[in-house]
Amino acid sequence: MKTRLTTKEGEVEELTEEDVRGMQPMDQALPEHLQRAIRQRGSVVSKNPQRK
C-alpha cells in the first residue's frame, strides 16, 4: 500500500518508522539507468558551510 507523503495542501509529511520500513533499497526499486544517474551526482558540498 502506498502512503501519501504530502497533505492536500502540498505540505510534506514527516516519515514514520512504518514508512521507512516499507522502503526498498535503490537497487531493487529503480532501473539501472536511474541508479547510475543518482550515483554520478555524488554528494553535494555546500560552498558556504555553516560554522558552529
Protein backbone atom coordinates (compact mmCIF):
# COMPACT_ATOMS: atom_id res chain seq x y z
CA MET A 1 0.00 0.00 0.00
CA LYS A 2 1.39 3.41 -0.94
CA THR A 3 1.17 6.18 1.62
CA ARG A 4 0.81 9.81 0.61
CA LEU A 5 3.79 11.81 1.78
CA THR A 6 2.10 15.18 1.25
CA THR A 7 -1.06 16.78 2.59
CA LYS A 8 -3.85 18.03 0.35
CA GLU A 9 -2.27 21.49 0.71
CA GLY A 10 1.06 20.18 -0.62
CA GLU A 11 2.93 20.18 2.70
CA VAL A 12 5.39 17.31 3.09
CA GLU A 13 4.52 14.88 5.87
CA GLU A 14 7.18 13.59 8.25
CA LEU A 15 8.25 10.00 7.55
CA THR A 16 7.22 7.49 10.16
CA GLU A 17 9.13 4.35 11.16
CA GLU A 18 6.49 2.38 9.25
CA ASP A 19 7.20 4.45 6.09
CA VAL A 20 10.92 3.75 6.38
CA ARG A 21 10.38 0.02 7.00
CA GLY A 22 8.34 -0.16 3.78
CA MET A 23 11.09 1.37 1.64
CA GLN A 24 13.20 -0.72 -0.72
CA PRO A 25 16.91 -0.33 -1.46
CA MET A 26 17.65 1.71 -4.57
CA ASP A 27 18.96 -1.32 -6.48
CA GLN A 28 15.62 -3.08 -6.01
CA ALA A 29 13.35 -0.09 -6.62
CA LEU A 30 14.93 1.76 -9.57
CA PRO A 31 16.06 0.77 -13.06
CA GLU A 32 19.82 0.70 -13.63
CA HIS A 33 19.90 3.93 -15.70
CA LEU A 34 18.35 5.91 -12.84
CA GLN A 35 20.71 4.34 -10.31
CA ARG A 36 23.69 5.44 -12.46
CA ALA A 37 22.32 8.98 -12.72
CA ILE A 38 21.93 9.24 -8.94
CA ARG A 39 25.39 7.83 -8.26
CA GLN A 40 27.01 10.21 -10.78
CA ARG A 41 25.67 13.24 -8.94
CA GLY A 42 27.78 12.35 -5.92
CA SER A 43 27.46 14.11 -2.61
CA VAL A 44 26.61 17.78 -2.53
CA VAL A 45 29.06 20.05 -0.74
CA SER A 46 27.90 23.48 0.29
CA LYS A 47 30.10 26.40 -0.82
CA ASN A 48 29.18 28.25 2.38
CA PRO A 49 29.03 25.69 5.19
CA GLN A 50 27.60 26.92 8.46
CA ARG A 51 30.06 27.03 11.31
CA LYS A 52 29.00 26.12 14.82
